[in-house]
PDB file of N, CA and C in Angstrom:
ATOM      1  N   MET A   1     156.515  69.185 202.894  1.00  0.00           N
ATOM      2  CA  MET A   1     155.776  68.414 203.885  1.00  0.00           C
ATOM      3  C   MET A   1     155.690  66.968 203.427  1.00  0.00           C
ATOM      4  N   SER A   2     155.726  66.096 204.368  1.00  0.00           N
ATOM      5  CA  SER A   2     155.644  64.675 204.058  1.00  0.00           C
ATOM      6  C   SER A   2     154.438  64.074 204.765  1.00  0.00           C
ATOM      7  N   ASP A   3     153.768  63.196 204.075  1.00  0.00           N
ATOM      8  CA  ASP A   3     152.625  62.526 204.697  1.00  0.00           C
ATOM      9  C   ASP A   3     152.927  61.060 204.979  1.00  0.00           C
ATOM     10  N   GLU A   4     154.199  60.692 204.966  1.00  0.00           N
ATOM     11  CA  GLU A   4     154.571  59.299 205.180  1.00  0.00           C
ATOM     12  C   GLU A   4     154.258  58.812 206.584  1.00  0.00           C
ATOM     13  N   SER A   5     154.167  59.703 207.545  1.00  0.00           N
ATOM     14  CA  SER A   5     153.892  59.276 208.912  1.00  0.00           C
ATOM     15  C   SER A   5     152.408  59.001 209.140  1.00  0.00           C
ATOM     16  N   ARG A   6     151.563  59.428 208.194  1.00  0.00           N
ATOM     17  CA  ARG A   6     150.127  59.203 208.340  1.00  0.00           C
ATOM     18  C   ARG A   6     149.733  57.860 207.737  1.00  0.00           C
ATOM     19  N   THR A   7     148.737  57.246 208.319  1.00  0.00           N
ATOM     20  CA  THR A   7     148.223  55.993 207.771  1.00  0.00           C
ATOM     21  C   THR A   7     147.150  56.297 206.738  1.00  0.00           C
ATOM     22  N   ALA A   8     146.985  55.394 205.825  1.00  0.00           N
ATOM     23  CA  ALA A   8     145.956  55.565 204.793  1.00  0.00           C
ATOM     24  C   ALA A   8     144.582  55.472 205.431  1.00  0.00           C
ATOM     25  N   GLN A   9     143.692  56.320 205.003  1.00  0.00           N
ATOM     26  CA  GLN A   9     142.325  56.291 205.497  1.00  0.00           C
ATOM     27  C   GLN A   9     141.414  55.835 204.370  1.00  0.00           C
ATOM     28  N   LEU A  10     140.752  54.725 204.595  1.00  0.00           N
ATOM     29  CA  LEU A  10     139.841  54.193 203.592  1.00  0.00           C
ATOM     30  C   LEU A  10     138.428  54.623 203.937  1.00  0.00           C
ATOM     31  N   ASP A  11     137.785  55.324 203.021  1.00  0.00           N
ATOM     32  CA  ASP A  11     136.434  55.810 203.282  1.00  0.00           C
ATOM     33  C   ASP A  11     135.368  55.007 202.551  1.00  0.00           C
ATOM     34  N   GLY A  12     135.770  53.959 201.840  1.00  0.00           N
ATOM     35  CA  GLY A  12     134.799  53.139 201.138  1.00  0.00           C
ATOM     36  C   GLY A  12     134.362  53.710 199.805  1.00  0.00           C
ATOM     37  N   ALA A  13     134.992  54.777 199.346  1.00  0.00           N
ATOM     38  CA  ALA A  13     134.574  55.397 198.099  1.00  0.00           C
ATOM     39  C   ALA A  13     135.464  55.008 196.922  1.00  0.00           C
ATOM     40  N   GLY A  14     136.480  54.212 197.173  1.00  0.00           N
ATOM     41  CA  GLY A  14     137.411  53.853 196.111  1.00  0.00           C
ATOM     42  C   GLY A  14     136.913  52.689 195.267  1.00  0.00           C
ATOM     43  N   PRO A  15     137.683  52.345 194.241  1.00  0.00           N
ATOM     44  CA  PRO A  15     137.294  51.219 193.383  1.00  0.00           C
ATOM     45  C   PRO A  15     137.426  49.896 194.128  1.00  0.00           C
ATOM     46  N   TYR A  16     136.584  48.967 193.790  1.00  0.00           N
ATOM     47  CA  TYR A  16     136.621  47.653 194.400  1.00  0.00           C
ATOM     48  C   TYR A  16     136.900  46.617 193.326  1.00  0.00           C
ATOM     49  N   ILE A  17     137.570  45.569 193.709  1.00  0.00           N
ATOM     50  CA  ILE A  17     137.849  44.483 192.785  1.00  0.00           C
ATOM     51  C   ILE A  17     136.791  43.416 193.008  1.00  0.00           C
ATOM     52  N   HIS A  18     136.045  43.114 191.973  1.00  0.00           N
ATOM     53  CA  HIS A  18     135.046  42.056 192.070  1.00  0.00           C
ATOM     54  C   HIS A  18     135.132  41.193 190.826  1.00  0.00           C
ATOM     55  N   PHE A  19     135.001  39.894 191.041  1.00  0.00           N
ATOM     56  CA  PHE A  19     135.145  38.929 189.968  1.00  0.00           C
ATOM     57  C   PHE A  19     133.817  38.251 189.686  1.00  0.00           C
ATOM     58  N   CYS A  20     133.747  37.591 188.558  1.00  0.00           N
ATOM     59  CA  CYS A  20     132.558  36.852 188.144  1.00  0.00           C
ATOM     60  C   CYS A  20     132.192  35.827 189.215  1.00  0.00           C
ATOM     61  N   ILE A  21     130.888  35.707 189.523  1.00  0.00           N
ATOM     62  CA  ILE A  21     130.454  34.786 190.571  1.00  0.00           C
ATOM     63  C   ILE A  21     130.382  33.338 190.106  1.00  0.00           C
ATOM     64  N   VAL A  22     130.556  33.097 188.804  1.00  0.00           N
ATOM     65  CA  VAL A  22     130.527  31.728 188.301  1.00  0.00           C
ATOM     66  C   VAL A  22     131.793  31.026 188.777  1.00  0.00           C
ATOM     67  N   GLU A  23     131.616  29.923 189.473  1.00  0.00           N
ATOM     68  CA  GLU A  23     132.737  29.209 190.062  1.00  0.00           C
ATOM     69  C   GLU A  23     133.745  28.797 188.997  1.00  0.00           C
ATOM     70  N   GLY A  24     135.003  29.118 189.253  1.00  0.00           N
ATOM     71  CA  GLY A  24     136.074  28.748 188.345  1.00  0.00           C
ATOM     72  C   GLY A  24     136.324  29.730 187.215  1.00  0.00           C
ATOM     73  N   CYS A  25     135.530  30.783 187.100  1.00  0.00           N
ATOM     74  CA  CYS A  25     135.698  31.735 185.996  1.00  0.00           C
ATOM     75  C   CYS A  25     136.911  32.633 186.238  1.00  0.00           C
ATOM     76  N   GLY A  26     136.864  33.435 187.289  1.00  0.00           N
ATOM     77  CA  GLY A  26     137.986  34.293 187.636  1.00  0.00           C
ATOM     78  C   GLY A  26     138.135  35.561 186.820  1.00  0.00           C
ATOM     79  N   LYS A  27     137.238  35.828 185.869  1.00  0.00           N
ATOM     80  CA  LYS A  27     137.328  37.050 185.070  1.00  0.00           C
ATOM     81  C   LYS A  27     136.759  38.232 185.845  1.00  0.00           C
ATOM     82  N   TRP A  28     137.118  39.432 185.407  1.00  0.00           N
ATOM     83  CA  TRP A  28     136.626  40.662 186.010  1.00  0.00           C
ATOM     84  C   TRP A  28     135.106  40.704 185.927  1.00  0.00           C
ATOM     85  N   GLY A  29     134.446  40.959 187.048  1.00  0.00           N
ATOM     86  CA  GLY A  29     132.990  41.037 187.089  1.00  0.00           C
ATOM     87  C   GLY A  29     132.517  42.454 186.886  1.00  0.00           C
ATOM     88  N   GLY A  30     132.456  42.888 185.664  1.00  0.00           N
ATOM     89  CA  GLY A  30     132.067  44.258 185.359  1.00  0.00           C
ATOM     90  C   GLY A  30     130.573  44.454 185.181  1.00  0.00           C
ATOM     91  N   TRP A  31     129.807  43.384 185.225  1.00  0.00           N
ATOM     92  CA  TRP A  31     128.356  43.457 185.019  1.00  0.00           C
ATOM     93  C   TRP A  31     127.675  42.938 186.270  1.00  0.00           C
ATOM     94  N   GLY A  32     126.887  43.775 186.921  1.00  0.00           N
ATOM     95  CA  GLY A  32     126.250  43.311 188.136  1.00  0.00           C
ATOM     96  C   GLY A  32     125.114  44.192 188.596  1.00  0.00           C
ATOM     97  N   PHE A  33     124.462  43.729 189.642  1.00  0.00           N
ATOM     98  CA  PHE A  33     123.383  44.478 190.258  1.00  0.00           C
ATOM     99  C   PHE A  33     123.106  43.882 191.625  1.00  0.00           C
ATOM    100  N   ARG A  34     122.230  44.519 192.355  1.00  0.00           N
ATOM    101  CA  ARG A  34     121.771  43.957 193.619  1.00  0.00           C
ATOM    102  C   ARG A  34     120.298  44.277 193.783  1.00  0.00           C
ATOM    103  N   HIS A  35     119.630  43.461 194.567  1.00  0.00           N
ATOM    104  CA  HIS A  35     118.220  43.668 194.887  1.00  0.00           C
ATOM    105  C   HIS A  35     118.148  44.245 196.292  1.00  0.00           C
ATOM    106  N   GLY A  36     117.557  45.410 196.418  1.00  0.00           N
ATOM    107  CA  GLY A  36     117.399  46.019 197.735  1.00  0.00           C
ATOM    108  C   GLY A  36     118.731  46.218 198.435  1.00  0.00           C
ATOM    109  N   HIS A  37     118.823  45.681 199.648  1.00  0.00           N
ATOM    110  CA  HIS A  37     120.036  45.833 200.445  1.00  0.00           C
ATOM    111  C   HIS A  37     120.909  44.588 200.406  1.00  0.00           C
ATOM    112  N   ASP A  38     120.634  43.667 199.486  1.00  0.00           N
ATOM    113  CA  ASP A  38     121.454  42.463 199.357  1.00  0.00           C
ATOM    114  C   ASP A  38     122.849  42.827 198.860  1.00  0.00           C
ATOM    115  N   GLU A  39     123.769  41.884 199.031  1.00  0.00           N
ATOM    116  CA  GLU A  39     125.105  42.057 198.476  1.00  0.00           C
ATOM    117  C   GLU A  39     125.012  42.048 196.957  1.00  0.00           C
ATOM    118  N   PRO A  40     125.772  42.885 196.279  1.00  0.00           N
ATOM    119  CA  PRO A  40     125.738  42.861 194.816  1.00  0.00           C
ATOM    120  C   PRO A  40     126.327  41.571 194.269  1.00  0.00           C
ATOM    121  N   LYS A  41     125.812  41.151 193.127  1.00  0.00           N
ATOM    122  CA  LYS A  41     126.325  39.975 192.426  1.00  0.00           C
ATOM    123  C   LYS A  41     126.958  40.464 191.137  1.00  0.00           C
ATOM    124  N   TRP A  42     128.114  39.924 190.811  1.00  0.00           N
ATOM    125  CA  TRP A  42     128.875  40.386 189.656  1.00  0.00           C
ATOM    126  C   TRP A  42     129.174  39.232 188.713  1.00  0.00           C
ATOM    127  N   TRP A  43     129.101  39.516 187.405  1.00  0.00           N
ATOM    128  CA  TRP A  43     129.402  38.536 186.367  1.00  0.00           C
ATOM    129  C   TRP A  43     130.346  39.158 185.350  1.00  0.00           C
ATOM    130  N   CYS A  44     131.115  38.306 184.652  1.00  0.00           N
ATOM    131  CA  CYS A  44     131.823  38.775 183.467  1.00  0.00           C
ATOM    132  C   CYS A  44     130.783  38.836 182.348  1.00  0.00           C
ATOM    133  N   TYR A  45     131.119  39.456 181.231  1.00  0.00           N
ATOM    134  CA  TYR A  45     130.133  39.604 180.164  1.00  0.00           C
ATOM    135  C   TYR A  45     129.692  38.246 179.626  1.00  0.00           C
ATOM    136  N   GLU A  46     130.611  37.312 179.572  1.00  0.00           N
ATOM    137  CA  GLU A  46     130.284  35.981 179.047  1.00  0.00           C
ATOM    138  C   GLU A  46     129.193  35.293 179.857  1.00  0.00           C
ATOM    139  N   HIS A  47     129.219  35.462 181.182  1.00  0.00           N
ATOM    140  CA  HIS A  47     128.274  34.772 182.057  1.00  0.00           C
ATOM    141  C   HIS A  47     127.098  35.632 182.505  1.00  0.00           C
ATOM    142  N   TYR A  48     127.082  36.909 182.145  1.00  0.00           N
ATOM    143  CA  TYR A  48     126.010  37.800 182.588  1.00  0.00           C
ATOM    144  C   TYR A  48     124.667  37.305 182.057  1.00  0.00           C
ATOM    145  N   PRO A  49     123.738  36.952 182.938  1.00  0.00           N
ATOM    146  CA  PRO A  49     122.492  36.316 182.495  1.00  0.00           C
ATOM    147  C   PRO A  49     121.446  37.273 181.929  1.00  0.00           C
ATOM    148  N   TYR A  50     121.641  38.563 182.045  1.00  0.00           N
ATOM    149  CA  TYR A  50     120.605  39.506 181.633  1.00  0.00           C
ATOM    150  C   TYR A  50     121.011  40.329 180.418  1.00  0.00           C
ATOM    151  N   LYS A  51     121.844  39.764 179.545  1.00  0.00           N
ATOM    152  CA  LYS A  51     122.217  40.462 178.314  1.00  0.00           C
ATOM    153  C   LYS A  51     120.987  40.640 177.445  1.00  0.00           C
ATOM    154  N   ARG A  52     121.003  41.681 176.629  1.00  0.00           N
ATOM    155  CA  ARG A  52     119.891  41.937 175.719  1.00  0.00           C
ATOM    156  C   ARG A  52     119.685  40.708 174.843  1.00  0.00           C
ATOM    157  N   GLY A  53     118.466  40.215 174.830  1.00  0.00           N
ATOM    158  CA  GLY A  53     118.130  39.059 174.002  1.00  0.00           C
ATOM    159  C   GLY A  53     118.217  37.733 174.728  1.00  0.00           C
ATOM    160  N   THR A  54     118.983  37.647 175.807  1.00  0.00           N
ATOM    161  CA  THR A  54     119.145  36.376 176.503  1.00  0.00           C
ATOM    162  C   THR A  54     117.822  35.896 177.072  1.00  0.00           C
ATOM    163  N   VAL A  55     117.114  36.757 177.775  1.00  0.00           N
ATOM    164  CA  VAL A  55     115.837  36.373 178.373  1.00  0.00           C
ATOM    165  C   VAL A  55     114.827  36.060 177.272  1.00  0.00           C
ATOM    166  N   ARG A  56     114.838  36.839 176.218  1.00  0.00           N
ATOM    167  CA  ARG A  56     113.928  36.601 175.099  1.00  0.00           C
ATOM    168  C   ARG A  56     114.203  35.236 174.466  1.00  0.00           C
ATOM    169  N   ASN A  57     115.469  34.884 174.289  1.00  0.00           N
ATOM    170  CA  ASN A  57     115.823  33.582 173.720  1.00  0.00           C
ATOM    171  C   ASN A  57     115.385  32.439 174.633  1.00  0.00           C
ATOM    172  N   GLU A  58     115.583  32.605 175.937  1.00  0.00           N
ATOM    173  CA  GLU A  58     115.169  31.569 176.881  1.00  0.00           C
ATOM    174  C   GLU A  58     113.655  31.401 176.867  1.00  0.00           C
ATOM    175  N   ALA A  59     112.914  32.497 176.763  1.00  0.00           N
ATOM    176  CA  ALA A  59     111.452  32.422 176.711  1.00  0.00           C
ATOM    177  C   ALA A  59     111.004  31.710 175.439  1.00  0.00           C
ATOM    178  N   ALA A  60     111.657  31.984 174.322  1.00  0.00           N
ATOM    179  CA  ALA A  60     111.309  31.323 173.059  1.00  0.00           C
ATOM    180  C   ALA A  60     111.592  29.826 173.132  1.00  0.00           C
ATOM    181  N   GLU A  61     112.711  29.447 173.740  1.00  0.00           N
ATOM    182  CA  GLU A  61     113.037  28.027 173.890  1.00  0.00           C
ATOM    183  C   GLU A  61     112.016  27.329 174.780  1.00  0.00           C
ATOM    184  N   LEU A  62     111.600  27.988 175.855  1.00  0.00           N
ATOM    185  CA  LEU A  62     110.594  27.420 176.750  1.00  0.00           C
ATOM    186  C   LEU A  62     109.269  27.254 176.018  1.00  0.00           C
ATOM    187  N   ALA A  63     108.866  28.263 175.259  1.00  0.00           N
ATOM    188  CA  ALA A  63     107.619  28.183 174.494  1.00  0.00           C
ATOM    189  C   ALA A  63     107.674  27.038 173.486  1.00  0.00           C
ATOM    190  N   ASP A  64     108.805  26.862 172.822  1.00  0.00           N
ATOM    191  CA  ASP A  64     108.964  25.759 171.872  1.00  0.00           C
ATOM    192  C   ASP A  64     108.875  24.408 172.569  1.00  0.00           C
ATOM    193  N   SER A  65     109.467  24.322 173.761  1.00  0.00           N
ATOM    194  CA  SER A  65     109.497  23.036 174.459  1.00  0.00           C
ATOM    195  C   SER A  65     108.117  22.604 174.957  1.00  0.00           C
ATOM    196  N   ILE A  66     107.218  23.569 175.210  1.00  0.00           N
ATOM    197  CA  ILE A  66     105.872  23.189 175.667  1.00  0.00           C
ATOM    198  C   ILE A  66     104.842  23.285 174.546  1.00  0.00           C
ATOM    199  N   GLY A  67     105.312  23.587 173.323  1.00  0.00           N
ATOM    200  CA  GLY A  67     104.439  23.551 172.159  1.00  0.00           C
ATOM    201  C   GLY A  67     103.588  24.776 171.918  1.00  0.00           C
ATOM    202  N   LEU A  68     103.994  25.918 172.429  1.00  0.00           N
ATOM    203  CA  LEU A  68     103.245  27.151 172.163  1.00  0.00           C
ATOM    204  C   LEU A  68     103.613  27.687 170.784  1.00  0.00           C
ATOM    205  N   PRO A  69     102.652  28.310 170.104  1.00  0.00           N
ATOM    206  CA  PRO A  69     102.944  28.858 168.760  1.00  0.00           C
ATOM    207  C   PRO A  69     103.852  30.069 168.812  1.00  0.00           C
TER     208      PRO A  69
END
């Protein structure tokens, strides 16, 4: 039997290609999330803003800049 006469049926369950949202990056966006029903946002690992320690480092820099102990 041949299925060449049938057209491909896309059900939306296959893999999708998504790239980093940082303009000009072009790397594979393997790190992402979405809020509620919004479109997902994708980053490469280099640009992913929520890496472990990143938020903590930014908070420490902010505390230093305003003079908190």
